[in-house]
Amino acid sequence: AKLGDISEGYRYVKLARSLIDRVGSTESAGEVISIGTQVRAYIEPLQAAFEYHNEGYAVSMASGDIIQAALNIVLICSSSLSAGVNLQSMREKSDEVTNFLYERKMLIFMMNVKYFE
């Protein structure tokens, strides 16, 4: 995908996901999901990305990877408008994400969320 071949990148994302599922390791699953979902969004409906990012958030939190958890939920906020999410729902999710980031002093991510508010 890096070189513009989205279909090849999509195949690699599916391979990475199947390896994580097969091995059962959650250590890097949040990162694989957050980055892989950006490639998947070129092939699959954008709304499907929310499910992947929610899964990435959950697995990242379970493994203690707060940075990947934050990235997954910030990516949900950043694509909500393009996906046609109700504005009130977006605002509520944005407030929830901002609180999560503020409590953990993740200011760089907070700047991205504020941009979409």
PDB file of N, CA and C in Angstrom:
ATOM      1  N   ALA A   1       0.831  -1.195   0.000  1.00  0.00           N
ATOM      2  CA  ALA A   1       0.000   0.000   0.000  1.00  0.00           C
ATOM      3  C   ALA A   1       0.866   1.244   0.000  1.00  0.00           C
ATOM      4  N   LYS A   2       2.045   1.144   0.595  1.00  0.00           N
ATOM      5  CA  LYS A   2       2.924   2.308   0.670  1.00  0.00           C
ATOM      6  C   LYS A   2       3.290   2.822  -0.716  1.00  0.00           C
ATOM      7  N   LEU A   3       3.412   1.913  -1.665  1.00  0.00           N
ATOM      8  CA  LEU A   3       3.784   2.300  -3.014  1.00  0.00           C
ATOM      9  C   LEU A   3       2.583   2.510  -3.924  1.00  0.00           C
ATOM     10  N   GLY A   4       1.402   2.547  -3.344  1.00  0.00           N
ATOM     11  CA  GLY A   4       0.203   2.812  -4.117  1.00  0.00           C
ATOM     12  C   GLY A   4      -0.568   1.587  -4.553  1.00  0.00           C
ATOM     13  N   ASP A   5      -0.074   0.405  -4.273  1.00  0.00           N
ATOM     14  CA  ASP A   5      -0.777  -0.826  -4.638  1.00  0.00           C
ATOM     15  C   ASP A   5      -1.669  -1.235  -3.470  1.00  0.00           C
ATOM     16  N   ILE A   6      -2.851  -0.680  -3.431  1.00  0.00           N
ATOM     17  CA  ILE A   6      -3.762  -0.902  -2.309  1.00  0.00           C
ATOM     18  C   ILE A   6      -4.171  -2.367  -2.200  1.00  0.00           C
ATOM     19  N   SER A   7      -4.418  -3.026  -3.316  1.00  0.00           N
ATOM     20  CA  SER A   7      -4.845  -4.421  -3.235  1.00  0.00           C
ATOM     21  C   SER A   7      -3.759  -5.297  -2.619  1.00  0.00           C
ATOM     22  N   GLU A   8      -2.514  -5.036  -2.926  1.00  0.00           N
ATOM     23  CA  GLU A   8      -1.417  -5.788  -2.313  1.00  0.00           C
ATOM     24  C   GLU A   8      -1.318  -5.460  -0.824  1.00  0.00           C
ATOM     25  N   GLY A   9      -1.452  -4.197  -0.482  1.00  0.00           N
ATOM     26  CA  GLY A   9      -1.438  -3.802   0.924  1.00  0.00           C
ATOM     27  C   GLY A   9      -2.582  -4.432   1.692  1.00  0.00           C
ATOM     28  N   TYR A  10      -3.732  -4.506   1.064  1.00  0.00           N
ATOM     29  CA  TYR A  10      -4.901  -5.115   1.686  1.00  0.00           C
ATOM     30  C   TYR A  10      -4.628  -6.590   1.991  1.00  0.00           C
ATOM     31  N   ARG A  11      -3.988  -7.270   1.066  1.00  0.00           N
ATOM     32  CA  ARG A  11      -3.627  -8.679   1.290  1.00  0.00           C
ATOM     33  C   ARG A  11      -2.672  -8.809   2.478  1.00  0.00           C
ATOM     34  N   TYR A  12      -1.712  -7.903   2.589  1.00  0.00           N
ATOM     35  CA  TYR A  12      -0.778  -7.938   3.718  1.00  0.00           C
ATOM     36  C   TYR A  12      -1.481  -7.672   5.048  1.00  0.00           C
ATOM     37  N   VAL A  13      -2.433  -6.769   5.040  1.00  0.00           N
ATOM     38  CA  VAL A  13      -3.203  -6.477   6.260  1.00  0.00           C
ATOM     39  C   VAL A  13      -3.982  -7.720   6.688  1.00  0.00           C
ATOM     40  N   LYS A  14      -4.620  -8.377   5.738  1.00  0.00           N
ATOM     41  CA  LYS A  14      -5.359  -9.589   6.072  1.00  0.00           C
ATOM     42  C   LYS A  14      -4.422 -10.685   6.582  1.00  0.00           C
ATOM     43  N   LEU A  15      -3.240 -10.777   6.005  1.00  0.00           N
ATOM     44  CA  LEU A  15      -2.250 -11.748   6.474  1.00  0.00           C
ATOM     45  C   LEU A  15      -1.812 -11.427   7.903  1.00  0.00           C
ATOM     46  N   ALA A  16      -1.526 -10.156   8.162  1.00  0.00           N
ATOM     47  CA  ALA A  16      -1.112  -9.746   9.512  1.00  0.00           C
ATOM     48  C   ALA A  16      -2.199 -10.059  10.538  1.00  0.00           C
ATOM     49  N   ARG A  17      -3.439  -9.764  10.181  1.00  0.00           N
ATOM     50  CA  ARG A  17      -4.553 -10.059  11.098  1.00  0.00           C
ATOM     51  C   ARG A  17      -4.688 -11.551  11.355  1.00  0.00           C
ATOM     52  N   SER A  18      -4.557 -12.356  10.303  1.00  0.00           N
ATOM     53  CA  SER A  18      -4.689 -13.797  10.493  1.00  0.00           C
ATOM     54  C   SER A  18      -3.549 -14.336  11.353  1.00  0.00           C
ATOM     55  N   LEU A  19      -2.358 -13.788  11.215  1.00  0.00           N
ATOM     56  CA  LEU A  19      -1.242 -14.215  12.059  1.00  0.00           C
ATOM     57  C   LEU A  19      -1.478 -13.852  13.519  1.00  0.00           C
ATOM     58  N   ILE A  20      -1.980 -12.661  13.759  1.00  0.00           N
ATOM     59  CA  ILE A  20      -2.263 -12.247  15.140  1.00  0.00           C
ATOM     60  C   ILE A  20      -3.349 -13.130  15.736  1.00  0.00           C
ATOM     61  N   ASP A  21      -4.383 -13.417  14.941  1.00  0.00           N
ATOM     62  CA  ASP A  21      -5.466 -14.279  15.423  1.00  0.00           C
ATOM     63  C   ASP A  21      -4.967 -15.693  15.685  1.00  0.00           C
ATOM     64  N   ARG A  22      -4.116 -16.181  14.811  1.00  0.00           N
ATOM     65  CA  ARG A  22      -3.611 -17.547  14.947  1.00  0.00           C
ATOM     66  C   ARG A  22      -2.679 -17.686  16.149  1.00  0.00           C
ATOM     67  N   VAL A  23      -1.802 -16.728  16.340  1.00  0.00           N
ATOM     68  CA  VAL A  23      -0.839 -16.779  17.448  1.00  0.00           C
ATOM     69  C   VAL A  23      -1.523 -16.455  18.772  1.00  0.00           C
ATOM     70  N   GLY A  24      -2.525 -15.593  18.709  1.00  0.00           N
ATOM     71  CA  GLY A  24      -3.256 -15.230  19.919  1.00  0.00           C
ATOM     72  C   GLY A  24      -2.561 -14.173  20.746  1.00  0.00           C
ATOM     73  N   SER A  25      -1.557 -13.543  20.200  1.00  0.00           N
ATOM     74  CA  SER A  25      -0.832 -12.503  20.925  1.00  0.00           C
ATOM     75  C   SER A  25      -1.553 -11.165  20.790  1.00  0.00           C
ATOM     76  N   THR A  26      -1.681 -10.468  21.897  1.00  0.00           N
ATOM     77  CA  THR A  26      -2.313  -9.146  21.855  1.00  0.00           C
ATOM     78  C   THR A  26      -1.290  -8.027  21.975  1.00  0.00           C
ATOM     79  N   GLU A  27      -0.031  -8.392  22.104  1.00  0.00           N
ATOM     80  CA  GLU A  27       1.024  -7.403  22.340  1.00  0.00           C
ATOM     81  C   GLU A  27       1.080  -6.322  21.265  1.00  0.00           C
ATOM     82  N   SER A  28       1.005  -6.702  20.004  1.00  0.00           N
ATOM     83  CA  SER A  28       1.067  -5.718  18.926  1.00  0.00           C
ATOM     84  C   SER A  28      -0.233  -5.655  18.120  1.00  0.00           C
ATOM     85  N   ALA A  29      -1.269  -6.304  18.599  1.00  0.00           N
ATOM     86  CA  ALA A  29      -2.531  -6.351  17.857  1.00  0.00           C
ATOM     87  C   ALA A  29      -3.137  -4.965  17.660  1.00  0.00           C
ATOM     88  N   GLY A  30      -3.066  -4.106  18.664  1.00  0.00           N
ATOM     89  CA  GLY A  30      -3.630  -2.769  18.543  1.00  0.00           C
ATOM     90  C   GLY A  30      -2.987  -1.971  17.433  1.00  0.00           C
ATOM     91  N   GLU A  31      -1.683  -2.111  17.296  1.00  0.00           N
ATOM     92  CA  GLU A  31      -0.964  -1.399  16.237  1.00  0.00           C
ATOM     93  C   GLU A  31      -1.307  -1.966  14.865  1.00  0.00           C
ATOM     94  N   VAL A  32      -1.345  -3.282  14.760  1.00  0.00           N
ATOM     95  CA  VAL A  32      -1.695  -3.922  13.491  1.00  0.00           C
ATOM     96  C   VAL A  32      -3.098  -3.488  13.068  1.00  0.00           C
ATOM     97  N   ILE A  33      -4.005  -3.448  14.023  1.00  0.00           N
ATOM     98  CA  ILE A  33      -5.389  -3.060  13.705  1.00  0.00           C
ATOM     99  C   ILE A  33      -5.468  -1.589  13.313  1.00  0.00           C
ATOM    100  N   SER A  34      -4.818  -0.703  14.068  1.00  0.00           N
ATOM    101  CA  SER A  34      -4.940   0.730  13.767  1.00  0.00           C
ATOM    102  C   SER A  34      -4.358   1.080  12.403  1.00  0.00           C
ATOM    103  N   ILE A  35      -3.184   0.559  12.099  1.00  0.00           N
ATOM    104  CA  ILE A  35      -2.563   0.869  10.807  1.00  0.00           C
ATOM    105  C   ILE A  35      -3.239   0.097   9.685  1.00  0.00           C
ATOM    106  N   GLY A  36      -3.524  -1.169   9.920  1.00  0.00           N
ATOM    107  CA  GLY A  36      -4.172  -1.980   8.903  1.00  0.00           C
ATOM    108  C   GLY A  36      -5.540  -1.467   8.509  1.00  0.00           C
ATOM    109  N   THR A  37      -6.246  -0.899   9.451  1.00  0.00           N
ATOM    110  CA  THR A  37      -7.589  -0.383   9.160  1.00  0.00           C
ATOM    111  C   THR A  37      -7.525   0.803   8.202  1.00  0.00           C
ATOM    112  N   GLN A  38      -6.447   1.549   8.244  1.00  0.00           N
ATOM    113  CA  GLN A  38      -6.307   2.661   7.307  1.00  0.00           C
ATOM    114  C   GLN A  38      -6.208   2.153   5.872  1.00  0.00           C
ATOM    115  N   VAL A  39      -5.594   0.997   5.688  1.00  0.00           N
ATOM    116  CA  VAL A  39      -5.530   0.383   4.362  1.00  0.00           C
ATOM    117  C   VAL A  39      -6.884  -0.230   4.009  1.00  0.00           C
ATOM    118  N   ARG A  40      -7.500  -0.906   4.967  1.00  0.00           N
ATOM    119  CA  ARG A  40      -8.806  -1.538   4.730  1.00  0.00           C
ATOM    120  C   ARG A  40      -9.851  -0.523   4.290  1.00  0.00           C
ATOM    121  N   ALA A  41      -9.759   0.690   4.778  1.00  0.00           N
ATOM    122  CA  ALA A  41     -10.753   1.714   4.462  1.00  0.00           C
ATOM    123  C   ALA A  41     -10.764   2.072   2.976  1.00  0.00           C
ATOM    124  N   TYR A  42      -9.721   1.722   2.262  1.00  0.00           N
ATOM    125  CA  TYR A  42      -9.706   1.944   0.816  1.00  0.00           C
ATOM    126  C   TYR A  42     -10.525   0.890   0.081  1.00  0.00           C
ATOM    127  N   ILE A  43     -10.695  -0.278   0.700  1.00  0.00           N
ATOM    128  CA  ILE A  43     -11.376  -1.396   0.050  1.00  0.00           C
ATOM    129  C   ILE A  43     -12.772  -1.607   0.636  1.00  0.00           C
ATOM    130  N   GLU A  44     -12.867  -1.577   1.945  1.00  0.00           N
ATOM    131  CA  GLU A  44     -14.118  -1.852   2.652  1.00  0.00           C
ATOM    132  C   GLU A  44     -14.836  -0.533   2.963  1.00  0.00           C
ATOM    133  N   PRO A  45     -16.133  -0.611   3.247  1.00  0.00           N
ATOM    134  CA  PRO A  45     -16.866   0.613   3.614  1.00  0.00           C
ATOM    135  C   PRO A  45     -16.223   1.288   4.836  1.00  0.00           C
ATOM    136  N   LEU A  46     -16.191   2.590   4.822  1.00  0.00           N
ATOM    137  CA  LEU A  46     -15.563   3.346   5.902  1.00  0.00           C
ATOM    138  C   LEU A  46     -16.209   3.041   7.257  1.00  0.00           C
ATOM    139  N   GLN A  47     -17.504   2.779   7.254  1.00  0.00           N
ATOM    140  CA  GLN A  47     -18.194   2.462   8.504  1.00  0.00           C
ATOM    141  C   GLN A  47     -17.632   1.190   9.151  1.00  0.00           C
ATOM    142  N   ALA A  48     -17.118   0.259   8.344  1.00  0.00           N
ATOM    143  CA  ALA A  48     -16.528  -0.973   8.881  1.00  0.00           C
ATOM    144  C   ALA A  48     -15.268  -0.662   9.683  1.00  0.00           C
ATOM    145  N   ALA A  49     -14.609   0.437   9.351  1.00  0.00           N
ATOM    146  CA  ALA A  49     -13.389   0.814  10.075  1.00  0.00           C
ATOM    147  C   ALA A  49     -13.671   1.068  11.542  1.00  0.00           C
ATOM    148  N   PHE A  50     -14.863   1.549  11.860  1.00  0.00           N
ATOM    149  CA  PHE A  50     -15.196   1.820  13.267  1.00  0.00           C
ATOM    150  C   PHE A  50     -15.154   0.541  14.091  1.00  0.00           C
ATOM    151  N   GLU A  51     -15.677  -0.534  13.526  1.00  0.00           N
ATOM    152  CA  GLU A  51     -15.648  -1.814  14.241  1.00  0.00           C
ATOM    153  C   GLU A  51     -14.214  -2.256  14.491  1.00  0.00           C
ATOM    154  N   TYR A  52     -13.371  -2.128  13.469  1.00  0.00           N
ATOM    155  CA  TYR A  52     -11.971  -2.524  13.617  1.00  0.00           C
ATOM    156  C   TYR A  52     -11.265  -1.663  14.658  1.00  0.00           C
ATOM    157  N   HIS A  53     -11.500  -0.350  14.577  1.00  0.00           N
ATOM    158  CA  HIS A  53     -10.842   0.543  15.541  1.00  0.00           C
ATOM    159  C   HIS A  53     -11.347   0.313  16.961  1.00  0.00           C
ATOM    160  N   ASN A  54     -12.628   0.008  17.114  1.00  0.00           N
ATOM    161  CA  ASN A  54     -13.136  -0.332  18.455  1.00  0.00           C
ATOM    162  C   ASN A  54     -12.459  -1.591  18.974  1.00  0.00           C
ATOM    163  N   GLU A  55     -12.279  -2.565  18.109  1.00  0.00           N
ATOM    164  CA  GLU A  55     -11.562  -3.785  18.496  1.00  0.00           C
ATOM    165  C   GLU A  55     -10.105  -3.457  18.832  1.00  0.00           C
ATOM    166  N   GLY A  56      -9.486  -2.601  18.024  1.00  0.00           N
ATOM    167  CA  GLY A  56      -8.102  -2.199  18.286  1.00  0.00           C
ATOM    168  C   GLY A  56      -7.959  -1.479  19.610  1.00  0.00           C
ATOM    169  N   TYR A  57      -8.942  -0.638  19.920  1.00  0.00           N
ATOM    170  CA  TYR A  57      -8.943   0.065  21.205  1.00  0.00           C
ATOM    171  C   TYR A  57      -9.029  -0.936  22.354  1.00  0.00           C
ATOM    172  N   ALA A  58      -9.959  -1.877  22.245  1.00  0.00           N
ATOM    173  CA  ALA A  58     -10.169  -2.854  23.326  1.00  0.00           C
ATOM    174  C   ALA A  58      -8.942  -3.726  23.541  1.00  0.00           C
ATOM    175  N   VAL A  59      -8.352  -4.208  22.464  1.00  0.00           N
ATOM    176  CA  VAL A  59      -7.195  -5.087  22.604  1.00  0.00           C
ATOM    177  C   VAL A  59      -5.974  -4.302  23.094  1.00  0.00           C
ATOM    178  N   SER A  60      -5.864  -3.048  22.699  1.00  0.00           N
ATOM    179  CA  SER A  60      -4.752  -2.211  23.168  1.00  0.00           C
ATOM    180  C   SER A  60      -4.873  -1.930  24.661  1.00  0.00           C
ATOM    181  N   MET A  61      -6.079  -1.618  25.097  1.00  0.00           N
ATOM    182  CA  MET A  61      -6.287  -1.377  26.525  1.00  0.00           C
ATOM    183  C   MET A  61      -6.006  -2.640  27.332  1.00  0.00           C
ATOM    184  N   ALA A  62      -6.440  -3.776  26.820  1.00  0.00           N
ATOM    185  CA  ALA A  62      -6.227  -5.044  27.526  1.00  0.00           C
ATOM    186  C   ALA A  62      -4.742  -5.377  27.654  1.00  0.00           C
ATOM    187  N   SER A  63      -3.953  -4.976  26.656  1.00  0.00           N
ATOM    188  CA  SER A  63      -2.521  -5.276  26.700  1.00  0.00           C
ATOM    189  C   SER A  63      -1.710  -4.142  27.331  1.00  0.00           C
ATOM    190  N   GLY A  64      -2.379  -3.039  27.700  1.00  0.00           N
ATOM    191  CA  GLY A  64      -1.689  -1.920  28.340  1.00  0.00           C
ATOM    192  C   GLY A  64      -1.022  -0.958  27.374  1.00  0.00           C
ATOM    193  N   ASP A  65      -1.356  -1.038  26.100  1.00  0.00           N
ATOM    194  CA  ASP A  65      -0.766  -0.154  25.089  1.00  0.00           C
ATOM    195  C   ASP A  65      -1.665   1.073  24.909  1.00  0.00           C
ATOM    196  N   ILE A  66      -1.484   2.041  25.779  1.00  0.00           N
ATOM    197  CA  ILE A  66      -2.342   3.229  25.796  1.00  0.00           C
ATOM    198  C   ILE A  66      -2.192   4.059  24.524  1.00  0.00           C
ATOM    199  N   ILE A  67      -1.003   4.111  23.964  1.00  0.00           N
ATOM    200  CA  ILE A  67      -0.788   4.917  22.757  1.00  0.00           C
ATOM    201  C   ILE A  67      -1.603   4.363  21.593  1.00  0.00           C
ATOM    202  N   GLN A  68      -1.574   3.052  21.397  1.00  0.00           N
ATOM    203  CA  GLN A  68      -2.361   2.468  20.306  1.00  0.00           C
ATOM    204  C   GLN A  68      -3.857   2.549  20.588  1.00  0.00           C
ATOM    205  N   ALA A  69      -4.229   2.455  21.854  1.00  0.00           N
ATOM    206  CA  ALA A  69      -5.642   2.627  22.210  1.00  0.00           C
ATOM    207  C   ALA A  69      -6.091   4.028  21.810  1.00  0.00           C
ATOM    208  N   ALA A  70      -5.272   5.020  22.150  1.00  0.00           N
ATOM    209  CA  ALA A  70      -5.598   6.410  21.805  1.00  0.00           C
ATOM    210  C   ALA A  70      -5.654   6.597  20.293  1.00  0.00           C
ATOM    211  N   LEU A  71      -4.692   6.029  19.586  1.00  0.00           N
ATOM    212  CA  LEU A  71      -4.680   6.170  18.134  1.00  0.00           C
ATOM    213  C   LEU A  71      -5.948   5.588  17.517  1.00  0.00           C
ATOM    214  N   ASN A  72      -6.366   4.428  17.976  1.00  0.00           N
ATOM    215  CA  ASN A  72      -7.574   3.812  17.429  1.00  0.00           C
ATOM    216  C   ASN A  72      -8.805   4.682  17.636  1.00  0.00           C
ATOM    217  N   ILE A  73      -8.962   5.257  18.825  1.00  0.00           N
ATOM    218  CA  ILE A  73     -10.170   6.064  19.041  1.00  0.00           C
ATOM    219  C   ILE A  73     -10.077   7.430  18.368  1.00  0.00           C
ATOM    220  N   VAL A  74      -8.879   7.963  18.226  1.00  0.00           N
ATOM    221  CA  VAL A  74      -8.722   9.227  17.496  1.00  0.00           C
ATOM    222  C   VAL A  74      -9.039   9.013  16.015  1.00  0.00           C
ATOM    223  N   LEU A  75      -8.632   7.877  15.483  1.00  0.00           N
ATOM    224  CA  LEU A  75      -8.933   7.587  14.078  1.00  0.00           C
ATOM    225  C   LEU A  75     -10.430   7.423  13.843  1.00  0.00           C
ATOM    226  N   ILE A  76     -11.148   6.954  14.841  1.00  0.00           N
ATOM    227  CA  ILE A  76     -12.610   6.903  14.722  1.00  0.00           C
ATOM    228  C   ILE A  76     -13.158   8.321  14.587  1.00  0.00           C
ATOM    229  N   CYS A  77     -12.699   9.212  15.449  1.00  0.00           N
ATOM    230  CA  CYS A  77     -13.178  10.599  15.397  1.00  0.00           C
ATOM    231  C   CYS A  77     -12.838  11.257  14.064  1.00  0.00           C
ATOM    232  N   SER A  78     -11.634  11.007  13.577  1.00  0.00           N
ATOM    233  CA  SER A  78     -11.188  11.693  12.368  1.00  0.00           C
ATOM    234  C   SER A  78     -11.922  11.241  11.110  1.00  0.00           C
ATOM    235  N   SER A  79     -12.502  10.051  11.127  1.00  0.00           N
ATOM    236  CA  SER A  79     -13.202   9.585   9.932  1.00  0.00           C
ATOM    237  C   SER A  79     -14.720   9.619  10.073  1.00  0.00           C
ATOM    238  N   SER A  80     -15.216  10.037  11.212  1.00  0.00           N
ATOM    239  CA  SER A  80     -16.667  10.026  11.453  1.00  0.00           C
ATOM    240  C   SER A  80     -17.438  10.916  10.491  1.00  0.00           C
ATOM    241  N   LEU A  81     -16.949  12.100  10.234  1.00  0.00           N
ATOM    242  CA  LEU A  81     -17.659  13.022   9.354  1.00  0.00           C
ATOM    243  C   LEU A  81     -17.755  12.452   7.942  1.00  0.00           C
ATOM    244  N   SER A  82     -16.648  11.922   7.436  1.00  0.00           N
ATOM    245  CA  SER A  82     -16.641  11.334   6.091  1.00  0.00           C
ATOM    246  C   SER A  82     -17.555  10.120   5.994  1.00  0.00           C
ATOM    247  N   ALA A  83     -17.739   9.422   7.113  1.00  0.00           N
ATOM    248  CA  ALA A  83     -18.573   8.221   7.122  1.00  0.00           C
ATOM    249  C   ALA A  83     -20.054   8.545   7.298  1.00  0.00           C
ATOM    250  N   GLY A  84     -20.371   9.820   7.494  1.00  0.00           N
ATOM    251  CA  GLY A  84     -21.761  10.219   7.607  1.00  0.00           C
ATOM    252  C   GLY A  84     -22.373  10.000   8.973  1.00  0.00           C
ATOM    253  N   VAL A  85     -21.541   9.989  10.001  1.00  0.00           N
ATOM    254  CA  VAL A  85     -22.046   9.808  11.364  1.00  0.00           C
ATOM    255  C   VAL A  85     -22.835  11.048  11.779  1.00  0.00           C
ATOM    256  N   ASN A  86     -23.910  10.840  12.492  1.00  0.00           N
ATOM    257  CA  ASN A  86     -24.747  11.918  13.022  1.00  0.00           C
ATOM    258  C   ASN A  86     -23.873  12.895  13.812  1.00  0.00           C
ATOM    259  N   LEU A  87     -24.066  14.184  13.589  1.00  0.00           N
ATOM    260  CA  LEU A  87     -23.220  15.199  14.226  1.00  0.00           C
ATOM    261  C   LEU A  87     -23.300  15.172  15.755  1.00  0.00           C
ATOM    262  N   GLN A  88     -24.472  14.938  16.293  1.00  0.00           N
ATOM    263  CA  GLN A  88     -24.608  14.859  17.748  1.00  0.00           C
ATOM    264  C   GLN A  88     -23.826  13.666  18.296  1.00  0.00           C
ATOM    265  N   SER A  89     -23.905  12.545  17.590  1.00  0.00           N
ATOM    266  CA  SER A  89     -23.144  11.354  18.002  1.00  0.00           C
ATOM    267  C   SER A  89     -21.645  11.624  17.925  1.00  0.00           C
ATOM    268  N   MET A  90     -21.247  12.340  16.869  1.00  0.00           N
ATOM    269  CA  MET A  90     -19.824  12.693  16.729  1.00  0.00           C
ATOM    270  C   MET A  90     -19.366  13.550  17.898  1.00  0.00           C
ATOM    271  N   ARG A  91     -20.193  14.503  18.270  1.00  0.00           N
ATOM    272  CA  ARG A  91     -19.842  15.404  19.374  1.00  0.00           C
ATOM    273  C   ARG A  91     -19.693  14.627  20.680  1.00  0.00           C
ATOM    274  N   GLU A  92     -20.610  13.718  20.935  1.00  0.00           N
ATOM    275  CA  GLU A  92     -20.544  12.904  22.152  1.00  0.00           C
ATOM    276  C   GLU A  92     -19.295  12.031  22.166  1.00  0.00           C
ATOM    277  N   LYS A  93     -18.995  11.410  21.034  1.00  0.00           N
ATOM    278  CA  LYS A  93     -17.802  10.555  20.939  1.00  0.00           C
ATOM    279  C   LYS A  93     -16.545  11.399  21.100  1.00  0.00           C
ATOM    280  N   SER A  94     -16.541  12.571  20.493  1.00  0.00           N
ATOM    281  CA  SER A  94     -15.399  13.475  20.594  1.00  0.00           C
ATOM    282  C   SER A  94     -15.150  13.890  22.042  1.00  0.00           C
ATOM    283  N   ASP A  95     -16.220  14.195  22.766  1.00  0.00           N
ATOM    284  CA  ASP A  95     -16.077  14.555  24.187  1.00  0.00           C
ATOM    285  C   ASP A  95     -15.528  13.389  24.996  1.00  0.00           C
ATOM    286  N   GLU A  96     -16.024  12.198  24.703  1.00  0.00           N
ATOM    287  CA  GLU A  96     -15.559  10.987  25.394  1.00  0.00           C
ATOM    288  C   GLU A  96     -14.066  10.754  25.124  1.00  0.00           C
ATOM    289  N   VAL A  97     -13.673  10.897  23.868  1.00  0.00           N
ATOM    290  CA  VAL A  97     -12.271  10.696  23.493  1.00  0.00           C
ATOM    291  C   VAL A  97     -11.393  11.774  24.115  1.00  0.00           C
ATOM    292  N   THR A  98     -11.857  13.020  24.099  1.00  0.00           N
ATOM    293  CA  THR A  98     -11.097  14.115  24.701  1.00  0.00           C
ATOM    294  C   THR A  98     -10.866  13.860  26.185  1.00  0.00           C
ATOM    295  N   ASN A  99     -11.875  13.401  26.881  1.00  0.00           N
ATOM    296  CA  ASN A  99     -11.721  13.078  28.310  1.00  0.00           C
ATOM    297  C   ASN A  99     -10.700  11.967  28.519  1.00  0.00           C
ATOM    298  N   PHE A 100     -10.774  10.934  27.695  1.00  0.00           N
ATOM    299  CA  PHE A 100      -9.823   9.828  27.775  1.00  0.00           C
ATOM    300  C   PHE A 100      -8.389  10.339  27.603  1.00  0.00           C
ATOM    301  N   LEU A 101      -8.194  11.183  26.604  1.00  0.00           N
ATOM    302  CA  LEU A 101      -6.861  11.708  26.310  1.00  0.00           C
ATOM    303  C   LEU A 101      -6.383  12.677  27.391  1.00  0.00           C
ATOM    304  N   TYR A 102      -7.285  13.512  27.869  1.00  0.00           N
ATOM    305  CA  TYR A 102      -6.934  14.495  28.897  1.00  0.00           C
ATOM    306  C   TYR A 102      -6.498  13.791  30.188  1.00  0.00           C
ATOM    307  N   GLU A 103      -7.234  12.779  30.580  1.00  0.00           N
ATOM    308  CA  GLU A 103      -6.899  12.044  31.808  1.00  0.00           C
ATOM    309  C   GLU A 103      -5.513  11.411  31.726  1.00  0.00           C
ATOM    310  N   ARG A 104      -5.073  11.101  30.519  1.00  0.00           N
ATOM    311  CA  ARG A 104      -3.782  10.440  30.328  1.00  0.00           C
ATOM    312  C   ARG A 104      -2.706  11.400  29.831  1.00  0.00           C
ATOM    313  N   LYS A 105      -3.057  12.684  29.789  1.00  0.00           N
ATOM    314  CA  LYS A 105      -2.128  13.747  29.378  1.00  0.00           C
ATOM    315  C   LYS A 105      -1.516  13.500  27.991  1.00  0.00           C
ATOM    316  N   MET A 106      -2.349  13.089  27.081  1.00  0.00           N
ATOM    317  CA  MET A 106      -1.924  12.806  25.710  1.00  0.00           C
ATOM    318  C   MET A 106      -2.277  13.994  24.822  1.00  0.00           C
ATOM    319  N   LEU A 107      -1.569  15.075  25.022  1.00  0.00           N
ATOM    320  CA  LEU A 107      -1.901  16.346  24.400  1.00  0.00           C
ATOM    321  C   LEU A 107      -1.812  16.321  22.877  1.00  0.00           C
ATOM    322  N   ILE A 108      -0.856  15.615  22.324  1.00  0.00           N
ATOM    323  CA  ILE A 108      -0.711  15.598  20.869  1.00  0.00           C
ATOM    324  C   ILE A 108      -1.938  14.988  20.203  1.00  0.00           C
ATOM    325  N   PHE A 109      -2.502  13.965  20.809  1.00  0.00           N
ATOM    326  CA  PHE A 109      -3.722  13.370  20.270  1.00  0.00           C
ATOM    327  C   PHE A 109      -4.913  14.306  20.484  1.00  0.00           C
ATOM    328  N   MET A 110      -4.925  15.013  21.605  1.00  0.00           N
ATOM    329  CA  MET A 110      -6.040  15.932  21.895  1.00  0.00           C
ATOM    330  C   MET A 110      -6.139  17.016  20.836  1.00  0.00           C
ATOM    331  N   MET A 111      -5.013  17.466  20.338  1.00  0.00           N
ATOM    332  CA  MET A 111      -5.023  18.501  19.296  1.00  0.00           C
ATOM    333  C   MET A 111      -5.739  17.989  18.045  1.00  0.00           C
ATOM    334  N   ASN A 112      -5.532  16.734  17.707  1.00  0.00           N
ATOM    335  CA  ASN A 112      -6.204  16.160  16.538  1.00  0.00           C
ATOM    336  C   ASN A 112      -7.710  16.082  16.741  1.00  0.00           C
ATOM    337  N   VAL A 113      -8.140  15.687  17.927  1.00  0.00           N
ATOM    338  CA  VAL A 113      -9.574  15.574  18.198  1.00  0.00           C
ATOM    339  C   VAL A 113     -10.225  16.956  18.178  1.00  0.00           C
ATOM    340  N   LYS A 114      -9.578  17.937  18.757  1.00  0.00           N
ATOM    341  CA  LYS A 114     -10.137  19.299  18.777  1.00  0.00           C
ATOM    342  C   LYS A 114     -10.309  19.848  17.366  1.00  0.00           C
ATOM    343  N   TYR A 115      -9.447  19.447  16.476  1.00  0.00           N
ATOM    344  CA  TYR A 115      -9.532  19.881  15.083  1.00  0.00           C
ATOM    345  C   TYR A 115     -10.844  19.431  14.456  1.00  0.00           C
ATOM    346  N   PHE A 116     -11.324  18.245  14.827  1.00  0.00           N
ATOM    347  CA  PHE A 116     -12.538  17.715  14.246  1.00  0.00           C
ATOM    348  C   PHE A 116     -13.804  18.161  14.964  1.00  0.00           C
ATOM    349  N   GLU A 117     -13.664  18.791  16.101  1.00  0.00           N
ATOM    350  CA  GLU A 117     -14.838  19.302  16.809  1.00  0.00           C
ATOM    351  C   GLU A 117     -15.320  20.529  16.078  1.00  0.00           C
TER     352      GLU A 117
END
